[in-house]
């Protein structure tokens, strides 16, 4: 293979393509699309303190874990503002209240199609 002076090499083409790919921003409906790898997604989902909306619809939940409040629930999930416990198996509202009193930031509770009376 003969290389002409001033001609770009294959490695410089690959570098230019990689940098052009990084500079490309994709927008959908006025919002920029972000790219995440598995580790970033796993880290983001494992941080329970940042949860704001929790949907436990159809999870077949029957009762709170124990008669005493879970010691970490109010600290671990302190920022939950919306909780959906619809279509679960709670038999009384006391069980639901046991959970809700620990969530000081709770503003919306959804209990559609619940057995609790």
PDB file of N, CA and C in Angstrom:
ATOM      1  N   UNK A   1       0.843  -1.170   0.000  1.00  0.00           N
ATOM      2  CA  UNK A   1       0.000   0.000   0.000  1.00  0.00           C
ATOM      3  C   UNK A   1       0.885   1.228   0.000  1.00  0.00           C
ATOM      4  N   UNK A   2       0.558   2.198  -0.849  1.00  0.00           N
ATOM      5  CA  UNK A   2       1.325   3.434  -0.953  1.00  0.00           C
ATOM      6  C   UNK A   2       0.518   4.547  -0.299  1.00  0.00           C
ATOM      7  N   UNK A   3       1.194   5.303   0.562  1.00  0.00           N
ATOM      8  CA  UNK A   3       0.525   6.417   1.223  1.00  0.00           C
ATOM      9  C   UNK A   3       0.992   7.703   0.576  1.00  0.00           C
ATOM     10  N   UNK A   4       0.045   8.480   0.110  1.00  0.00           N
ATOM     11  CA  UNK A   4       0.365   9.755  -0.507  1.00  0.00           C
ATOM     12  C   UNK A   4       0.524  10.811   0.572  1.00  0.00           C
ATOM     13  N   UNK A   5       1.444  11.758   0.373  1.00  0.00           N
ATOM     14  CA  UNK A   5       1.601  12.811   1.364  1.00  0.00           C
ATOM     15  C   UNK A   5       0.312  13.634   1.466  1.00  0.00           C
ATOM     16  N   UNK A   6      -0.104  13.923   2.696  1.00  0.00           N
ATOM     17  CA  UNK A   6      -1.304  14.727   2.921  1.00  0.00           C
ATOM     18  C   UNK A   6      -2.584  13.923   2.907  1.00  0.00           C
ATOM     19  N   UNK A   7      -2.524  12.656   2.528  1.00  0.00           N
ATOM     20  CA  UNK A   7      -3.731  11.819   2.523  1.00  0.00           C
ATOM     21  C   UNK A   7      -3.993  11.329   3.945  1.00  0.00           C
ATOM     22  N   UNK A   8      -5.255  11.334   4.354  1.00  0.00           N
ATOM     23  CA  UNK A   8      -5.561  10.879   5.720  1.00  0.00           C
ATOM     24  C   UNK A   8      -5.346   9.378   5.852  1.00  0.00           C
ATOM     25  N   UNK A   9      -4.854   8.961   6.997  1.00  0.00           N
ATOM     26  CA  UNK A   9      -4.647   7.535   7.234  1.00  0.00           C
ATOM     27  C   UNK A   9      -5.948   6.921   7.728  1.00  0.00           C
ATOM     28  N   UNK A  10      -6.017   5.601   7.715  1.00  0.00           N
ATOM     29  CA  UNK A  10      -7.213   4.892   8.166  1.00  0.00           C
ATOM     30  C   UNK A  10      -7.455   5.154   9.646  1.00  0.00           C
ATOM     31  N   UNK A  11      -6.383   5.254  10.431  1.00  0.00           N
ATOM     32  CA  UNK A  11      -6.555   5.468  11.869  1.00  0.00           C
ATOM     33  C   UNK A  11      -7.087   6.871  12.147  1.00  0.00           C
ATOM     34  N   UNK A  12      -6.669   7.874  11.366  1.00  0.00           N
ATOM     35  CA  UNK A  12      -7.194   9.226  11.594  1.00  0.00           C
ATOM     36  C   UNK A  12      -8.656   9.313  11.164  1.00  0.00           C
ATOM     37  N   UNK A  13      -9.058   8.545  10.147  1.00  0.00           N
ATOM     38  CA  UNK A  13     -10.468   8.487   9.742  1.00  0.00           C
ATOM     39  C   UNK A  13     -11.313   7.898  10.859  1.00  0.00           C
ATOM     40  N   UNK A  14     -10.825   6.830  11.482  1.00  0.00           N
ATOM     41  CA  UNK A  14     -11.562   6.186  12.566  1.00  0.00           C
ATOM     42  C   UNK A  14     -11.699   7.141  13.750  1.00  0.00           C
ATOM     43  N   UNK A  15     -10.647   7.885  14.051  1.00  0.00           N
ATOM     44  CA  UNK A  15     -10.687   8.850  15.148  1.00  0.00           C
ATOM     45  C   UNK A  15     -11.686   9.959  14.853  1.00  0.00           C
ATOM     46  N   UNK A  16     -11.690  10.449  13.620  1.00  0.00           N
ATOM     47  CA  UNK A  16     -12.633  11.495  13.236  1.00  0.00           C
ATOM     48  C   UNK A  16     -14.065  10.989  13.299  1.00  0.00           C
ATOM     49  N   UNK A  17     -14.312   9.756  12.852  1.00  0.00           N
ATOM     50  CA  UNK A  17     -15.659   9.185  12.902  1.00  0.00           C
ATOM     51  C   UNK A  17     -16.125   9.013  14.346  1.00  0.00           C
ATOM     52  N   UNK A  18     -15.221   8.577  15.224  1.00  0.00           N
ATOM     53  CA  UNK A  18     -15.587   8.393  16.631  1.00  0.00           C
ATOM     54  C   UNK A  18     -15.915   9.727  17.280  1.00  0.00           C
ATOM     55  N   UNK A  19     -15.127  10.765  16.993  1.00  0.00           N
ATOM     56  CA  UNK A  19     -15.401  12.067  17.610  1.00  0.00           C
ATOM     57  C   UNK A  19     -16.672  12.679  17.023  1.00  0.00           C
ATOM     58  N   UNK A  20     -16.933  12.448  15.745  1.00  0.00           N
ATOM     59  CA  UNK A  20     -18.165  12.962  15.140  1.00  0.00           C
ATOM     60  C   UNK A  20     -19.383  12.266  15.747  1.00  0.00           C
ATOM     61  N   UNK A  21     -19.247  10.977  16.037  1.00  0.00           N
ATOM     62  CA  UNK A  21     -20.342  10.223  16.643  1.00  0.00           C
ATOM     63  C   UNK A  21     -20.627  10.751  18.052  1.00  0.00           C
ATOM     64  N   UNK A  22     -19.578  11.110  18.809  1.00  0.00           N
ATOM     65  CA  UNK A  22     -19.756  11.634  20.160  1.00  0.00           C
ATOM     66  C   UNK A  22     -20.385  13.024  20.148  1.00  0.00           C
ATOM     67  N   UNK A  23     -20.099  13.808  19.127  1.00  0.00           N
ATOM     68  CA  UNK A  23     -20.625  15.164  19.050  1.00  0.00           C
ATOM     69  C   UNK A  23     -22.063  15.209  18.546  1.00  0.00           C
ATOM     70  N   UNK A  24     -22.543  14.123  17.953  1.00  0.00           N
ATOM     71  CA  UNK A  24     -23.895  14.083  17.422  1.00  0.00           C
ATOM     72  C   UNK A  24     -24.891  14.014  18.565  1.00  0.00           C
ATOM     73  N   UNK A  25     -25.821  14.960  18.576  1.00  0.00           N
ATOM     74  CA  UNK A  25     -26.854  14.975  19.604  1.00  0.00           C
ATOM     75  C   UNK A  25     -28.181  14.680  18.939  1.00  0.00           C
ATOM     76  N   UNK A  26     -28.930  13.781  19.542  1.00  0.00           N
ATOM     77  CA  UNK A  26     -30.221  13.369  19.002  1.00  0.00           C
ATOM     78  C   UNK A  26     -31.307  14.004  19.851  1.00  0.00           C
ATOM     79  N   UNK A  27     -32.289  14.602  19.191  1.00  0.00           N
ATOM     80  CA  UNK A  27     -33.404  15.248  19.883  1.00  0.00           C
ATOM     81  C   UNK A  27     -34.704  14.603  19.426  1.00  0.00           C
ATOM     82  N   UNK A  28     -35.575  14.286  20.385  1.00  0.00           N
ATOM     83  CA  UNK A  28     -36.891  13.742  20.080  1.00  0.00           C
ATOM     84  C   UNK A  28     -37.911  14.550  20.860  1.00  0.00           C
ATOM     85  N   UNK A  29     -38.868  15.115  20.167  1.00  0.00           N
ATOM     86  CA  UNK A  29     -39.921  15.926  20.784  1.00  0.00           C
ATOM     87  C   UNK A  29     -39.345  17.012  21.680  1.00  0.00           C
ATOM     88  N   UNK A  30     -38.277  17.613  21.246  1.00  0.00           N
ATOM     89  CA  UNK A  30     -37.689  18.724  21.982  1.00  0.00           C
ATOM     90  C   UNK A  30     -36.822  18.314  23.156  1.00  0.00           C
ATOM     91  N   UNK A  31     -36.586  17.019  23.334  1.00  0.00           N
ATOM     92  CA  UNK A  31     -35.757  16.549  24.441  1.00  0.00           C
ATOM     93  C   UNK A  31     -34.545  15.825  23.891  1.00  0.00           C
ATOM     94  N   UNK A  32     -33.388  16.083  24.500  1.00  0.00           N
ATOM     95  CA  UNK A  32     -32.167  15.434  24.054  1.00  0.00           C
ATOM     96  C   UNK A  32     -32.120  14.002  24.557  1.00  0.00           C
ATOM     97  N   UNK A  33     -31.775  13.081  23.685  1.00  0.00           N
ATOM     98  CA  UNK A  33     -31.653  11.675  24.019  1.00  0.00           C
ATOM     99  C   UNK A  33     -30.291  11.457  24.676  1.00  0.00           C
ATOM    100  N   UNK A  34     -30.294  10.771  25.816  1.00  0.00           N
ATOM    101  CA  UNK A  34     -29.055  10.468  26.506  1.00  0.00           C
ATOM    102  C   UNK A  34     -28.759   8.983  26.377  1.00  0.00           C
ATOM    103  N   UNK A  35     -27.491   8.645  26.307  1.00  0.00           N
ATOM    104  CA  UNK A  35     -27.076   7.254  26.195  1.00  0.00           C
ATOM    105  C   UNK A  35     -26.483   6.811  27.527  1.00  0.00           C
ATOM    106  N   UNK A  36     -26.963   5.669  28.041  1.00  0.00           N
ATOM    107  CA  UNK A  36     -26.469   5.127  29.300  1.00  0.00           C
ATOM    108  C   UNK A  36     -26.011   3.699  29.088  1.00  0.00           C
ATOM    109  N   UNK A  37     -24.957   3.311  29.796  1.00  0.00           N
ATOM    110  CA  UNK A  37     -24.568   1.907  29.767  1.00  0.00           C
ATOM    111  C   UNK A  37     -25.206   1.189  30.955  1.00  0.00           C
ATOM    112  N   UNK A  38     -25.035  -0.114  31.028  1.00  0.00           N
ATOM    113  CA  UNK A  38     -25.691  -0.919  32.052  1.00  0.00           C
ATOM    114  C   UNK A  38     -25.320  -0.459  33.455  1.00  0.00           C
ATOM    115  N   UNK A  39     -24.050  -0.164  33.687  1.00  0.00           N
ATOM    116  CA  UNK A  39     -23.609   0.249  35.025  1.00  0.00           C
ATOM    117  C   UNK A  39     -24.263   1.559  35.448  1.00  0.00           C
ATOM    118  N   UNK A  40     -24.400   2.504  34.538  1.00  0.00           N
ATOM    119  CA  UNK A  40     -25.055   3.770  34.864  1.00  0.00           C
ATOM    120  C   UNK A  40     -26.526   3.551  35.198  1.00  0.00           C
ATOM    121  N   UNK A  41     -27.196   2.706  34.441  1.00  0.00           N
ATOM    122  CA  UNK A  41     -28.612   2.415  34.701  1.00  0.00           C
ATOM    123  C   UNK A  41     -28.758   1.690  36.034  1.00  0.00           C
ATOM    124  N   UNK A  42     -27.907   0.707  36.287  1.00  0.00           N
ATOM    125  CA  UNK A  42     -27.970  -0.041  37.535  1.00  0.00           C
ATOM    126  C   UNK A  42     -27.737   0.882  38.733  1.00  0.00           C
ATOM    127  N   UNK A  43     -26.786   1.781  38.633  1.00  0.00           N
ATOM    128  CA  UNK A  43     -26.513   2.726  39.724  1.00  0.00           C
ATOM    129  C   UNK A  43     -27.707   3.649  39.954  1.00  0.00           C
ATOM    130  N   UNK A  44     -28.282   4.150  38.882  1.00  0.00           N
ATOM    131  CA  UNK A  44     -29.416   5.068  38.986  1.00  0.00           C
ATOM    132  C   UNK A  44     -30.625   4.379  39.630  1.00  0.00           C
ATOM    133  N   UNK A  45     -30.878   3.119  39.274  1.00  0.00           N
ATOM    134  CA  UNK A  45     -32.024   2.394  39.813  1.00  0.00           C
ATOM    135  C   UNK A  45     -31.790   1.866  41.224  1.00  0.00           C
ATOM    136  N   UNK A  46     -30.537   1.722  41.637  1.00  0.00           N
ATOM    137  CA  UNK A  46     -30.260   1.206  42.978  1.00  0.00           C
ATOM    138  C   UNK A  46     -30.291   2.301  44.035  1.00  0.00           C
ATOM    139  N   UNK A  47     -30.364   3.552  43.624  1.00  0.00           N
ATOM    140  CA  UNK A  47     -30.394   4.663  44.577  1.00  0.00           C
ATOM    141  C   UNK A  47     -31.839   4.936  44.974  1.00  0.00           C
ATOM    142  N   UNK A  48     -32.322   4.253  46.010  1.00  0.00           N
ATOM    143  CA  UNK A  48     -33.715   4.346  46.420  1.00  0.00           C
ATOM    144  C   UNK A  48     -34.071   5.703  47.010  1.00  0.00           C
ATOM    145  N   UNK A  49     -33.094   6.447  47.462  1.00  0.00           N
ATOM    146  CA  UNK A  49     -33.378   7.756  48.060  1.00  0.00           C
ATOM    147  C   UNK A  49     -33.895   8.750  47.028  1.00  0.00           C
ATOM    148  N   UNK A  50     -33.635   8.502  45.762  1.00  0.00           N
ATOM    149  CA  UNK A  50     -34.097   9.417  44.714  1.00  0.00           C
ATOM    150  C   UNK A  50     -35.444   9.029  44.129  1.00  0.00           C
ATOM    151  N   UNK A  51     -36.033   7.942  44.611  1.00  0.00           N
ATOM    152  CA  UNK A  51     -37.335   7.530  44.090  1.00  0.00           C
ATOM    153  C   UNK A  51     -38.390   8.555  44.459  1.00  0.00           C
ATOM    154  N   UNK A  52     -39.191   8.959  43.493  1.00  0.00           N
ATOM    155  CA  UNK A  52     -40.281   9.904  43.727  1.00  0.00           C
ATOM    156  C   UNK A  52     -41.639   9.237  43.483  1.00  0.00           C
ATOM    157  N   UNK A  53     -41.686   8.363  42.490  1.00  0.00           N
ATOM    158  CA  UNK A  53     -42.919   7.682  42.117  1.00  0.00           C
ATOM    159  C   UNK A  53     -42.661   6.179  42.174  1.00  0.00           C
ATOM    160  N   UNK A  54     -43.489   5.466  42.944  1.00  0.00           N
ATOM    161  CA  UNK A  54     -43.336   4.019  43.069  1.00  0.00           C
ATOM    162  C   UNK A  54     -44.661   3.362  42.697  1.00  0.00           C
ATOM    163  N   UNK A  55     -44.618   2.459  41.736  1.00  0.00           N
ATOM    164  CA  UNK A  55     -45.812   1.745  41.296  1.00  0.00           C
ATOM    165  C   UNK A  55     -45.623   0.277  41.642  1.00  0.00           C
ATOM    166  N   UNK A  56     -46.447  -0.206  42.570  1.00  0.00           N
ATOM    167  CA  UNK A  56     -46.431  -1.609  42.978  1.00  0.00           C
ATOM    168  C   UNK A  56     -47.764  -2.257  42.626  1.00  0.00           C
ATOM    169  N   UNK A  57     -48.353  -1.810  41.556  1.00  0.00           N
ATOM    170  CA  UNK A  57     -49.627  -2.300  41.052  1.00  0.00           C
ATOM    171  C   UNK A  57     -49.492  -3.773  40.668  1.00  0.00           C
ATOM    172  N   UNK A  58     -50.454  -4.591  41.108  1.00  0.00           N
ATOM    173  CA  UNK A  58     -50.514  -6.020  40.764  1.00  0.00           C
ATOM    174  C   UNK A  58     -49.304  -6.823  41.237  1.00  0.00           C
ATOM    175  N   UNK A  59     -48.738  -6.455  42.374  1.00  0.00           N
ATOM    176  CA  UNK A  59     -47.571  -7.171  42.896  1.00  0.00           C
ATOM    177  C   UNK A  59     -47.959  -8.253  43.910  1.00  0.00           C
ATOM    178  N   UNK A  60     -49.268  -8.440  44.128  1.00  0.00           N
ATOM    179  CA  UNK A  60     -49.788  -9.447  45.055  1.00  0.00           C
ATOM    180  C   UNK A  60     -49.297  -9.226  46.484  1.00  0.00           C
ATOM    181  N   UNK A  61     -49.113  -7.964  46.851  1.00  0.00           N
ATOM    182  CA  UNK A  61     -48.711  -7.641  48.216  1.00  0.00           C
ATOM    183  C   UNK A  61     -49.882  -7.899  49.142  1.00  0.00           C
ATOM    184  N   UNK A  62     -49.606  -8.502  50.285  1.00  0.00           N
ATOM    185  CA  UNK A  62     -50.669  -8.889  51.192  1.00  0.00           C
ATOM    186  C   UNK A  62     -50.600  -8.137  52.511  1.00  0.00           C
ATOM    187  N   UNK A  63     -49.397  -7.871  53.013  1.00  0.00           N
ATOM    188  CA  UNK A  63     -49.270  -7.214  54.304  1.00  0.00           C
ATOM    189  C   UNK A  63     -47.935  -6.506  54.400  1.00  0.00           C
ATOM    190  N   UNK A  64     -47.858  -5.596  55.355  1.00  0.00           N
ATOM    191  CA  UNK A  64     -46.582  -4.970  55.661  1.00  0.00           C
ATOM    192  C   UNK A  64     -45.693  -6.043  56.283  1.00  0.00           C
ATOM    193  N   UNK A  65     -44.395  -5.885  56.239  1.00  0.00           N
ATOM    194  CA  UNK A  65     -43.485  -6.956  56.634  1.00  0.00           C
ATOM    195  C   UNK A  65     -43.591  -7.376  58.089  1.00  0.00           C
ATOM    196  N   UNK A  66     -43.891  -6.437  58.988  1.00  0.00           N
ATOM    197  CA  UNK A  66     -43.995  -6.791  60.408  1.00  0.00           C
ATOM    198  C   UNK A  66     -44.877  -5.774  61.111  1.00  0.00           C
ATOM    199  N   UNK A  67     -45.178  -6.037  62.371  1.00  0.00           N
ATOM    200  CA  UNK A  67     -46.002  -5.104  63.138  1.00  0.00           C
ATOM    201  C   UNK A  67     -45.241  -3.815  63.439  1.00  0.00           C
ATOM    202  N   UNK A  68     -43.935  -3.910  63.595  1.00  0.00           N
ATOM    203  CA  UNK A  68     -43.115  -2.717  63.857  1.00  0.00           C
ATOM    204  C   UNK A  68     -42.701  -2.098  62.529  1.00  0.00           C
ATOM    205  N   UNK A  69     -42.598  -0.779  62.478  1.00  0.00           N
ATOM    206  CA  UNK A  69     -42.173  -0.136  61.227  1.00  0.00           C
ATOM    207  C   UNK A  69     -40.790  -0.619  60.795  1.00  0.00           C
ATOM    208  N   UNK A  70     -40.636  -0.779  59.518  1.00  0.00           N
ATOM    209  CA  UNK A  70     -39.338  -1.171  58.970  1.00  0.00           C
ATOM    210  C   UNK A  70     -38.363  -0.039  59.253  1.00  0.00           C
ATOM    211  N   UNK A  71     -37.239  -0.303  59.908  1.00  0.00           N
ATOM    212  CA  UNK A  71     -36.362   0.782  60.339  1.00  0.00           C
ATOM    213  C   UNK A  71     -35.765   1.603  59.201  1.00  0.00           C
ATOM    214  N   UNK A  72     -35.582   1.000  58.033  1.00  0.00           N
ATOM    215  CA  UNK A  72     -34.927   1.719  56.944  1.00  0.00           C
ATOM    216  C   UNK A  72     -35.897   2.349  55.958  1.00  0.00           C
ATOM    217  N   UNK A  73     -37.148   2.004  55.998  1.00  0.00           N
ATOM    218  CA  UNK A  73     -38.091   2.483  54.995  1.00  0.00           C
ATOM    219  C   UNK A  73     -38.193   4.001  54.993  1.00  0.00           C
ATOM    220  N   UNK A  74     -38.336   4.601  56.150  1.00  0.00           N
ATOM    221  CA  UNK A  74     -38.491   6.053  56.190  1.00  0.00           C
ATOM    222  C   UNK A  74     -37.201   6.785  55.825  1.00  0.00           C
ATOM    223  N   UNK A  75     -36.061   6.132  55.977  1.00  0.00           N
ATOM    224  CA  UNK A  75     -34.794   6.749  55.579  1.00  0.00           C
ATOM    225  C   UNK A  75     -34.448   6.426  54.128  1.00  0.00           C
ATOM    226  N   UNK A  76     -34.631   5.178  53.752  1.00  0.00           N
ATOM    227  CA  UNK A  76     -34.253   4.732  52.411  1.00  0.00           C
ATOM    228  C   UNK A  76     -35.147   5.327  51.335  1.00  0.00           C
ATOM    229  N   UNK A  77     -36.429   5.442  51.619  1.00  0.00           N
ATOM    230  CA  UNK A  77     -37.392   5.890  50.617  1.00  0.00           C
ATOM    231  C   UNK A  77     -38.086   7.181  51.056  1.00  0.00           C
ATOM    232  N   UNK A  78     -37.359   8.067  51.662  1.00  0.00           N
ATOM    233  CA  UNK A  78     -37.937   9.277  52.256  1.00  0.00           C
ATOM    234  C   UNK A  78     -38.550  10.231  51.235  1.00  0.00           C
ATOM    235  N   UNK A  79     -38.158  10.152  49.981  1.00  0.00           N
ATOM    236  CA  UNK A  79     -38.614  11.122  48.983  1.00  0.00           C
ATOM    237  C   UNK A  79     -39.776  10.645  48.126  1.00  0.00           C
ATOM    238  N   UNK A  80     -40.367   9.518  48.470  1.00  0.00           N
ATOM    239  CA  UNK A  80     -41.504   9.024  47.688  1.00  0.00           C
ATOM    240  C   UNK A  80     -42.682   9.974  47.855  1.00  0.00           C
ATOM    241  N   UNK A  81     -43.163  10.488  46.743  1.00  0.00           N
ATOM    242  CA  UNK A  81     -44.301  11.416  46.756  1.00  0.00           C
ATOM    243  C   UNK A  81     -45.567  10.742  46.241  1.00  0.00           C
ATOM    244  N   UNK A  82     -45.425   9.748  45.366  1.00  0.00           N
ATOM    245  CA  UNK A  82     -46.576   9.047  44.801  1.00  0.00           C
ATOM    246  C   UNK A  82     -46.371   7.544  44.953  1.00  0.00           C
ATOM    247  N   UNK A  83     -47.376   6.883  45.511  1.00  0.00           N
ATOM    248  CA  UNK A  83     -47.307   5.443  45.729  1.00  0.00           C
ATOM    249  C   UNK A  83     -48.579   4.805  45.184  1.00  0.00           C
ATOM    250  N   UNK A  84     -48.424   3.816  44.320  1.00  0.00           N
ATOM    251  CA  UNK A  84     -49.562   3.100  43.743  1.00  0.00           C
ATOM    252  C   UNK A  84     -49.548   1.667  44.259  1.00  0.00           C
ATOM    253  N   UNK A  85     -50.524   1.352  45.112  1.00  0.00           N
ATOM    254  CA  UNK A  85     -50.675   0.006  45.662  1.00  0.00           C
ATOM    255  C   UNK A  85     -51.939  -0.665  45.124  1.00  0.00           C
ATOM    256  N   UNK A  86     -52.366  -0.271  43.966  1.00  0.00           N
ATOM    257  CA  UNK A  86     -53.594  -0.810  43.367  1.00  0.00           C
ATOM    258  C   UNK A  86     -53.485  -2.299  43.080  1.00  0.00           C
ATOM    259  N   UNK A  87     -54.651  -2.950  43.091  1.00  0.00           N
ATOM    260  CA  UNK A  87     -54.784  -4.360  42.701  1.00  0.00           C
ATOM    261  C   UNK A  87     -53.858  -5.280  43.495  1.00  0.00           C
ATOM    262  N   UNK A  88     -53.735  -5.018  44.797  1.00  0.00           N
ATOM    263  CA  UNK A  88     -52.966  -5.885  45.675  1.00  0.00           C
ATOM    264  C   UNK A  88     -53.913  -6.602  46.624  1.00  0.00           C
ATOM    265  N   UNK A  89     -53.377  -7.352  47.555  1.00  0.00           N
ATOM    266  CA  UNK A  89     -54.185  -8.215  48.402  1.00  0.00           C
ATOM    267  C   UNK A  89     -54.302  -7.732  49.848  1.00  0.00           C
ATOM    268  N   UNK A  90     -54.077  -6.455  50.093  1.00  0.00           N
ATOM    269  CA  UNK A  90     -54.226  -5.925  51.448  1.00  0.00           C
ATOM    270  C   UNK A  90     -55.681  -6.102  51.877  1.00  0.00           C
ATOM    271  N   UNK A  91     -55.888  -6.649  53.077  1.00  0.00           N
ATOM    272  CA  UNK A  91     -57.242  -6.890  53.557  1.00  0.00           C
ATOM    273  C   UNK A  91     -57.788  -5.761  54.410  1.00  0.00           C
ATOM    274  N   UNK A  92     -56.906  -4.908  54.923  1.00  0.00           N
ATOM    275  CA  UNK A  92     -57.388  -3.779  55.711  1.00  0.00           C
ATOM    276  C   UNK A  92     -56.559  -2.535  55.403  1.00  0.00           C
ATOM    277  N   UNK A  93     -57.174  -1.396  55.647  1.00  0.00           N
ATOM    278  CA  UNK A  93     -56.467  -0.138  55.423  1.00  0.00           C
ATOM    279  C   UNK A  93     -55.380   0.082  56.471  1.00  0.00           C
ATOM    280  N   UNK A  94     -55.443  -0.619  57.586  1.00  0.00           N
ATOM    281  CA  UNK A  94     -54.390  -0.509  58.600  1.00  0.00           C
ATOM    282  C   UNK A  94     -53.045  -0.944  58.040  1.00  0.00           C
ATOM    283  N   UNK A  95     -53.062  -1.978  57.219  1.00  0.00           N
ATOM    284  CA  UNK A  95     -51.817  -2.448  56.608  1.00  0.00           C
ATOM    285  C   UNK A  95     -51.230  -1.398  55.669  1.00  0.00           C
ATOM    286  N   UNK A  96     -52.088  -0.754  54.924  1.00  0.00           N
ATOM    287  CA  UNK A  96     -51.647   0.300  54.006  1.00  0.00           C
ATOM    288  C   UNK A  96     -51.160   1.508  54.810  1.00  0.00           C
ATOM    289  N   UNK A  97     -51.902   1.861  55.865  1.00  0.00           N
ATOM    290  CA  UNK A  97     -51.524   3.000  56.706  1.00  0.00           C
ATOM    291  C   UNK A  97     -50.169   2.770  57.358  1.00  0.00           C
ATOM    292  N   UNK A  98     -49.887   1.526  57.718  1.00  0.00           N
ATOM    293  CA  UNK A  98     -48.606   1.172  58.327  1.00  0.00           C
ATOM    294  C   UNK A  98     -47.434   1.554  57.404  1.00  0.00           C
ATOM    295  N   UNK A  99     -47.632   1.392  56.136  1.00  0.00           N
ATOM    296  CA  UNK A  99     -46.608   1.761  55.150  1.00  0.00           C
ATOM    297  C   UNK A  99     -46.570   3.272  54.970  1.00  0.00           C
ATOM    298  N   UNK A 100     -47.729   3.867  54.820  1.00  0.00           N
ATOM    299  CA  UNK A 100     -47.822   5.289  54.475  1.00  0.00           C
ATOM    300  C   UNK A 100     -47.304   6.221  55.561  1.00  0.00           C
ATOM    301  N   UNK A 101     -47.486   5.883  56.822  1.00  0.00           N
ATOM    302  CA  UNK A 101     -47.032   6.773  57.892  1.00  0.00           C
ATOM    303  C   UNK A 101     -45.522   6.907  57.921  1.00  0.00           C
ATOM    304  N   UNK A 102     -44.832   5.956  57.335  1.00  0.00           N
ATOM    305  CA  UNK A 102     -43.375   6.019  57.291  1.00  0.00           C
ATOM    306  C   UNK A 102     -42.854   6.892  56.151  1.00  0.00           C
ATOM    307  N   UNK A 103     -43.708   7.204  55.201  1.00  0.00           N
ATOM    308  CA  UNK A 103     -43.303   7.986  54.024  1.00  0.00           C
ATOM    309  C   UNK A 103     -43.766   9.424  54.210  1.00  0.00           C
ATOM    310  N   UNK A 104     -42.942  10.223  54.866  1.00  0.00           N
ATOM    311  CA  UNK A 104     -43.319  11.592  55.237  1.00  0.00           C
ATOM    312  C   UNK A 104     -43.593  12.480  54.029  1.00  0.00           C
ATOM    313  N   UNK A 105     -42.968  12.198  52.889  1.00  0.00           N
ATOM    314  CA  UNK A 105     -43.165  13.017  51.700  1.00  0.00           C
ATOM    315  C   UNK A 105     -44.314  12.561  50.822  1.00  0.00           C
ATOM    316  N   UNK A 106     -45.033  11.534  51.234  1.00  0.00           N
ATOM    317  CA  UNK A 106     -46.113  10.968  50.417  1.00  0.00           C
ATOM    318  C   UNK A 106     -47.245  11.972  50.232  1.00  0.00           C
ATOM    319  N   UNK A 107     -47.599  12.224  48.977  1.00  0.00           N
ATOM    320  CA  UNK A 107     -48.674  13.165  48.648  1.00  0.00           C
ATOM    321  C   UNK A 107     -49.844  12.474  47.959  1.00  0.00           C
ATOM    322  N   UNK A 108     -49.567  11.397  47.233  1.00  0.00           N
ATOM    323  CA  UNK A 108     -50.614  10.701  46.482  1.00  0.00           C
ATOM    324  C   UNK A 108     -50.515   9.200  46.734  1.00  0.00           C
ATOM    325  N   UNK A 109     -51.632   8.610  47.140  1.00  0.00           N
ATOM    326  CA  UNK A 109     -51.722   7.167  47.321  1.00  0.00           C
ATOM    327  C   UNK A 109     -52.840   6.664  46.419  1.00  0.00           C
ATOM    328  N   UNK A 110     -52.556   5.657  45.617  1.00  0.00           N
ATOM    329  CA  UNK A 110     -53.557   5.076  44.731  1.00  0.00           C
ATOM    330  C   UNK A 110     -53.843   3.651  45.197  1.00  0.00           C
ATOM    331  N   UNK A 111     -55.138   3.355  45.415  1.00  0.00           N
ATOM    332  CA  UNK A 111     -55.569   2.039  45.879  1.00  0.00           C
ATOM    333  C   UNK A 111     -56.720   1.498  45.031  1.00  0.00           C
ATOM    334  N   UNK A 112     -56.683   1.681  43.758  1.00  0.00           N
ATOM    335  CA  UNK A 112     -57.779   1.223  42.898  1.00  0.00           C
ATOM    336  C   UNK A 112     -57.866  -0.297  42.917  1.00  0.00           C
ATOM    337  N   UNK A 113     -59.084  -0.796  42.892  1.00  0.00           N
ATOM    338  CA  UNK A 113     -59.375  -2.233  42.827  1.00  0.00           C
ATOM    339  C   UNK A 113     -58.673  -3.003  43.955  1.00  0.00           C
ATOM    340  N   UNK A 114     -58.680  -2.447  45.132  1.00  0.00           N
ATOM    341  CA  UNK A 114     -58.024  -3.068  46.274  1.00  0.00           C
ATOM    342  C   UNK A 114     -59.033  -3.813  47.127  1.00  0.00           C
ATOM    343  N   UNK A 115     -58.604  -4.863  47.815  1.00  0.00           N
ATOM    344  CA  UNK A 115     -59.468  -5.615  48.714  1.00  0.00           C
ATOM    345  C   UNK A 115     -59.638  -4.906  50.057  1.00  0.00           C
ATOM    346  N   UNK A 116     -58.751  -3.973  50.367  1.00  0.00           N
ATOM    347  CA  UNK A 116     -58.778  -3.293  51.669  1.00  0.00           C
ATOM    348  C   UNK A 116     -60.081  -2.543  51.859  1.00  0.00           C
ATOM    349  N   UNK A 117     -60.655  -2.678  53.050  1.00  0.00           N
ATOM    350  CA  UNK A 117     -61.912  -1.994  53.358  1.00  0.00           C
ATOM    351  C   UNK A 117     -61.787  -1.166  54.610  1.00  0.00           C
TER     352      UNK A 117
END
